[in-house]
Amino acid sequence: MATIQRQLVNLEILAEDLASLSSEQYGGEQHIRLIEEYKEALDHLSDSAKPETESGFKKRLATSTLAHVLESKQMIGVHLKLIGYVLTFWDANQKANLILDSNFGENADKRLELLQVKAIRAKAQLKTVAHAMGQADYQNFIDLLNLRDAQWQWDVLLSRY
């Protein structure tokens, strides 16, 4: 299927764009937008790969620079979950920080608590999936998405929350 090859090329381009971001752009609008685009492209790849056999998918993946990261069809689903947790965590943290910075009204305590719980839950779910996938695969994941911050590193992730 040429569709899978096109989607892999699209993912490779997005991965290169993510890798080219400077440290100042980490966690910024452009970084988050690229991760969202990567997630959307990965979701399309997942849909296209469903009718493929595992062997057929691996053959198509063999020529891709992402072959070491997306080793199997199952790993696509794992990456989609992890990306969702990262985006949920960032979104909840950003909203909580906005409340702390400017909007501390009547219901702010409740909203702040809910957002903090949401962020903690997303981080805990990410930790669970990361632990199940192993350090090497997780390191490939964070390298791919350019998640340089200490909070995403293996040792820190497993020692917290």
Foldseek 3Di string as FASTA:
>chain_A
DVVLLVLLVVLVVLLVVLLPDDPVCVLHPVLLVSLVVNLVSLVVNLVVCVVPDFVRVLVSCVVGPCCVQCVTSVSSVLLNLLSVLVSLLSVLVVVLVVCVVPPVDDCSVVSNVVSVVSNVVSLVVNLVSDVVVDQVNQVVSCSSSVVPDPCSHPVNSVVDD
